[in-house]
Amino acid sequence: MTQIVIGASPLTLSDLRAVLEAPTSVSLTDRACAAVDAGAATVAAIIETGQTVYGVNTGFGLLANTRIDRADLETLQTNLVLSHACGVGAPLPDEIVRLMLVLKIASLSKGASAIRGETLQALISLVEHDVLPVIPCKGSVGASGDLAPLAHMSAVLLGVGEARHNGETLSAIEGLARAGLTPITLGPKE
């Protein structure tokens, strides 16, 4: 099993090649965990003080000026993920999905995305148990090109969609169970 430590130094091409080639164990440095906690605390403070901040408690695009009630923020996140999980085509190969997960974990571990530690840990658990979301090879939303694939990746955490484990395609719920997880609820901005 490949061992990857995120937060000590940038991942190398050798690290990423190893992720492609074998199941992977991921750990975060204390510095990465502190950055994640600080980012999540920033969003929690925004919610607590009642500030209106785009991407945290507003709609998106044309609804950017529409404030979302605090009681509806979890629903907003769920709806955002599910509305963007619109890819089509054959599933990406398992090793590519594993690499996507590790790269996303590395990006989120910088703390700038305001993900909570427990949500990031759920992604790490998927990697550690080699439970890989089924991500279609085509389609996206917007100019970034990664919204649909990342939505399919995240939908599995919600218990929606499918995952692969040891060459078998499973429901997201069964995949989560194999990783020792249950569906999660995304917090604001996650």
Protein backbone atom coordinates (compact mmCIF):
# COMPACT_ATOMS: atom_id res chain seq x y z
CA MET A 1 0.00 0.00 0.00
CA THR A 2 1.26 3.45 -0.94
CA GLN A 3 1.71 5.87 2.00
CA ILE A 4 1.07 9.55 1.30
CA VAL A 5 1.59 12.32 3.86
CA ILE A 6 -0.14 15.56 2.94
CA GLY A 7 0.96 18.89 4.36
CA ALA A 8 4.67 18.34 4.89
CA SER A 9 5.82 19.10 1.35
CA PRO A 10 4.25 19.22 -2.10
CA LEU A 11 3.27 15.90 -3.61
CA THR A 12 5.77 14.77 -6.22
CA LEU A 13 5.17 13.10 -9.55
CA SER A 14 6.59 9.96 -7.96
CA ASP A 15 3.98 10.20 -5.19
CA LEU A 16 1.18 10.62 -7.70
CA ARG A 17 2.45 7.74 -9.86
CA ALA A 18 2.41 5.52 -6.75
CA VAL A 19 -1.21 6.52 -6.07
CA LEU A 20 -2.11 5.44 -9.60
CA GLU A 21 -0.45 2.08 -9.13
CA ALA A 22 -1.79 0.86 -5.78
CA PRO A 23 -4.28 1.38 -2.96
CA THR A 24 -3.17 4.29 -0.84
CA SER A 25 -3.00 5.33 2.79
CA VAL A 26 -3.31 9.08 3.38
CA SER A 27 -2.38 11.02 6.48
CA LEU A 28 -2.40 14.74 7.17
CA THR A 29 0.28 16.63 9.07
CA ASP A 30 -0.68 18.59 12.16
CA ARG A 31 -0.09 21.75 10.13
CA ALA A 32 -2.61 20.62 7.48
CA CYS A 33 -5.16 19.71 10.16
CA ALA A 34 -4.72 23.14 11.77
CA ALA A 35 -5.23 24.86 8.40
CA VAL A 36 -8.42 22.88 7.78
CA ASP A 37 -9.73 23.72 11.26
CA ALA A 38 -8.93 27.42 10.78
CA GLY A 39 -10.77 27.52 7.45
CA ALA A 40 -13.81 25.79 8.90
CA ALA A 41 -13.77 28.17 11.88
CA THR A 42 -13.87 31.14 9.52
CA VAL A 43 -17.07 29.90 7.90
CA ALA A 44 -18.58 28.99 11.28
CA ALA A 45 -17.91 32.55 12.47
CA ILE A 46 -19.59 33.98 9.36
CA ILE A 47 -22.66 31.87 10.01
CA GLU A 48 -22.68 32.73 13.71
CA THR A 49 -22.44 36.49 13.15
CA GLY A 50 -25.07 36.45 10.42
CA GLN A 51 -22.92 38.03 7.75
CA THR A 52 -24.00 37.51 4.15
CA VAL A 53 -21.14 36.00 2.16
CA TYR A 54 -21.32 34.66 -1.38
CA GLY A 55 -20.82 30.93 -1.54
CA VAL A 56 -21.50 30.51 2.16
CA ASN A 57 -25.08 31.62 2.67
CA THR A 58 -26.24 32.97 -0.67
CA GLY A 59 -27.47 31.47 -3.88
CA PHE A 60 -25.12 31.15 -6.86
CA GLY A 61 -24.92 32.80 -10.26
CA LEU A 62 -28.05 34.88 -10.82
CA LEU A 63 -29.09 34.11 -7.24
CA ALA A 64 -25.89 35.55 -5.77
CA ASN A 65 -27.86 38.28 -4.01
CA THR A 66 -30.40 35.86 -2.57
CA ARG A 67 -29.70 35.15 1.07
CA ILE A 68 -30.28 31.54 2.15
CA ASP A 69 -31.79 31.05 5.60
CA ARG A 70 -29.48 29.37 8.11
CA ALA A 71 -31.92 26.45 8.46
CA ASP A 72 -31.58 25.77 4.70
CA LEU A 73 -27.79 25.81 4.35
CA GLU A 74 -27.40 22.02 4.51
CA THR A 75 -30.10 21.63 1.87
CA LEU A 76 -28.31 24.22 -0.28
CA GLN A 77 -25.11 22.16 -0.20
CA THR A 78 -26.91 18.91 -0.99
CA ASN A 79 -28.83 20.50 -3.86
CA LEU A 80 -25.66 22.07 -5.24
CA VAL A 81 -23.83 18.73 -5.34
CA LEU A 82 -26.77 16.81 -6.78
CA SER A 83 -27.54 19.45 -9.43
CA HIS A 84 -23.95 19.29 -10.69
CA ALA A 85 -23.69 15.47 -10.73
CA CYS A 86 -24.66 15.42 -14.39
CA GLY A 87 -21.77 13.62 -16.08
CA VAL A 88 -22.28 10.97 -18.73
CA GLY A 89 -20.30 8.23 -20.38
CA ALA A 90 -18.20 5.36 -19.18
CA PRO A 91 -16.83 5.56 -15.65
CA LEU A 92 -13.29 6.80 -15.20
CA PRO A 93 -10.82 4.04 -14.36
CA ASP A 94 -10.49 3.30 -10.64
CA GLU A 95 -6.85 4.39 -10.49
CA ILE A 96 -7.75 7.79 -11.99
CA VAL A 97 -10.53 8.25 -9.42
CA ARG A 98 -8.11 7.34 -6.61
CA LEU A 99 -5.69 9.96 -7.94
CA MET A 100 -8.51 12.54 -8.16
CA LEU A 101 -9.43 11.87 -4.54
CA VAL A 102 -5.84 12.26 -3.33
CA LEU A 103 -5.37 15.46 -5.33
CA LYS A 104 -8.65 16.88 -3.98
CA ILE A 105 -7.66 15.93 -0.41
CA ALA A 106 -4.30 17.68 -0.93
CA SER A 107 -6.04 20.80 -2.21
CA LEU A 108 -8.66 20.85 0.56
CA SER A 109 -6.00 20.30 3.23
CA LYS A 110 -4.63 23.78 2.62
CA GLY A 111 -7.62 25.16 4.56
CA ALA A 112 -8.74 27.72 1.98
CA SER A 113 -11.90 25.79 1.05
CA ALA A 114 -13.34 25.83 4.58
CA ILE A 115 -14.07 22.10 4.62
CA ARG A 116 -14.58 20.63 8.07
CA GLY A 117 -12.07 18.09 9.30
CA GLU A 118 -14.70 15.34 9.53
CA THR A 119 -15.71 15.83 5.91
CA LEU A 120 -12.11 15.72 4.76
CA GLN A 121 -11.59 12.61 6.88
CA ALA A 122 -14.54 10.96 5.11
CA LEU A 123 -12.77 11.50 1.77
CA ILE A 124 -9.59 10.07 3.27
CA SER A 125 -11.55 7.01 4.47
CA LEU A 126 -12.76 6.40 0.92
CA VAL A 127 -9.14 6.38 -0.28
CA GLU A 128 -7.91 4.26 2.61
CA HIS A 129 -10.55 1.59 1.96
CA ASP A 130 -10.19 1.92 -1.82
CA VAL A 131 -13.90 2.72 -2.12
CA LEU A 132 -13.92 4.82 -5.25
CA PRO A 133 -16.85 6.93 -6.47
CA VAL A 134 -18.12 6.13 -9.94
CA ILE A 135 -17.34 9.27 -11.95
CA PRO A 136 -18.50 9.51 -15.58
CA CYS A 137 -15.82 10.47 -18.09
CA LYS A 138 -17.76 13.28 -19.81
CA GLY A 139 -19.56 16.43 -18.85
CA SER A 140 -19.24 19.41 -16.60
CA VAL A 141 -20.88 22.63 -15.61
CA GLY A 142 -19.37 26.06 -16.09
CA ALA A 143 -15.91 27.03 -17.19
CA SER A 144 -13.85 25.19 -14.58
CA GLY A 145 -14.40 21.75 -16.11
CA ASP A 146 -14.29 19.88 -12.82
CA LEU A 147 -17.67 20.61 -11.24
CA ALA A 148 -19.52 17.54 -12.55
CA PRO A 149 -16.72 15.07 -11.74
CA LEU A 150 -16.27 16.54 -8.26
CA ALA A 151 -20.04 16.48 -7.70
CA HIS A 152 -20.12 12.76 -8.52
CA MET A 153 -17.20 12.26 -6.13
CA SER A 154 -18.97 14.17 -3.36
CA ALA A 155 -22.40 12.64 -3.96
CA VAL A 156 -21.08 9.32 -2.69
CA LEU A 157 -20.43 10.96 0.69
CA LEU A 158 -24.13 11.87 0.75
CA GLY A 159 -25.07 8.25 0.01
CA VAL A 160 -26.06 9.03 -3.59
CA GLY A 161 -24.70 7.39 -6.71
CA GLU A 162 -22.35 4.46 -6.98
CA ALA A 163 -18.90 3.45 -5.85
CA ARG A 164 -16.43 0.74 -6.82
CA HIS A 165 -14.58 -1.57 -4.47
CA ASN A 166 -12.33 -4.45 -5.51
CA GLY A 167 -13.67 -4.26 -9.07
CA GLU A 168 -17.32 -4.40 -7.97
CA THR A 169 -19.83 -1.59 -8.52
CA LEU A 170 -21.94 -0.88 -5.43
CA SER A 171 -24.53 1.61 -4.31
CA ALA A 172 -23.02 4.62 -2.56
CA ILE A 173 -24.56 3.44 0.72
CA GLU A 174 -22.91 0.02 0.42
CA GLY A 175 -19.62 1.63 -0.55
CA LEU A 176 -19.74 3.91 2.47
CA ALA A 177 -20.44 0.92 4.70
CA ARG A 178 -17.34 -0.84 3.34
CA ALA A 179 -15.33 2.25 4.29
CA GLY A 180 -16.88 2.26 7.77
CA LEU A 181 -18.91 5.38 6.98
CA THR A 182 -22.53 6.49 6.88
CA PRO A 183 -23.86 9.30 4.68
CA ILE A 184 -22.77 12.74 5.84
CA THR A 185 -24.42 16.14 5.72
CA LEU A 186 -22.34 18.84 4.11
CA GLY A 187 -21.90 22.08 5.99
CA PRO A 188 -21.90 25.59 4.55
CA LYS A 189 -19.44 26.06 1.67
CA GLU A 190 -18.43 22.39 1.62
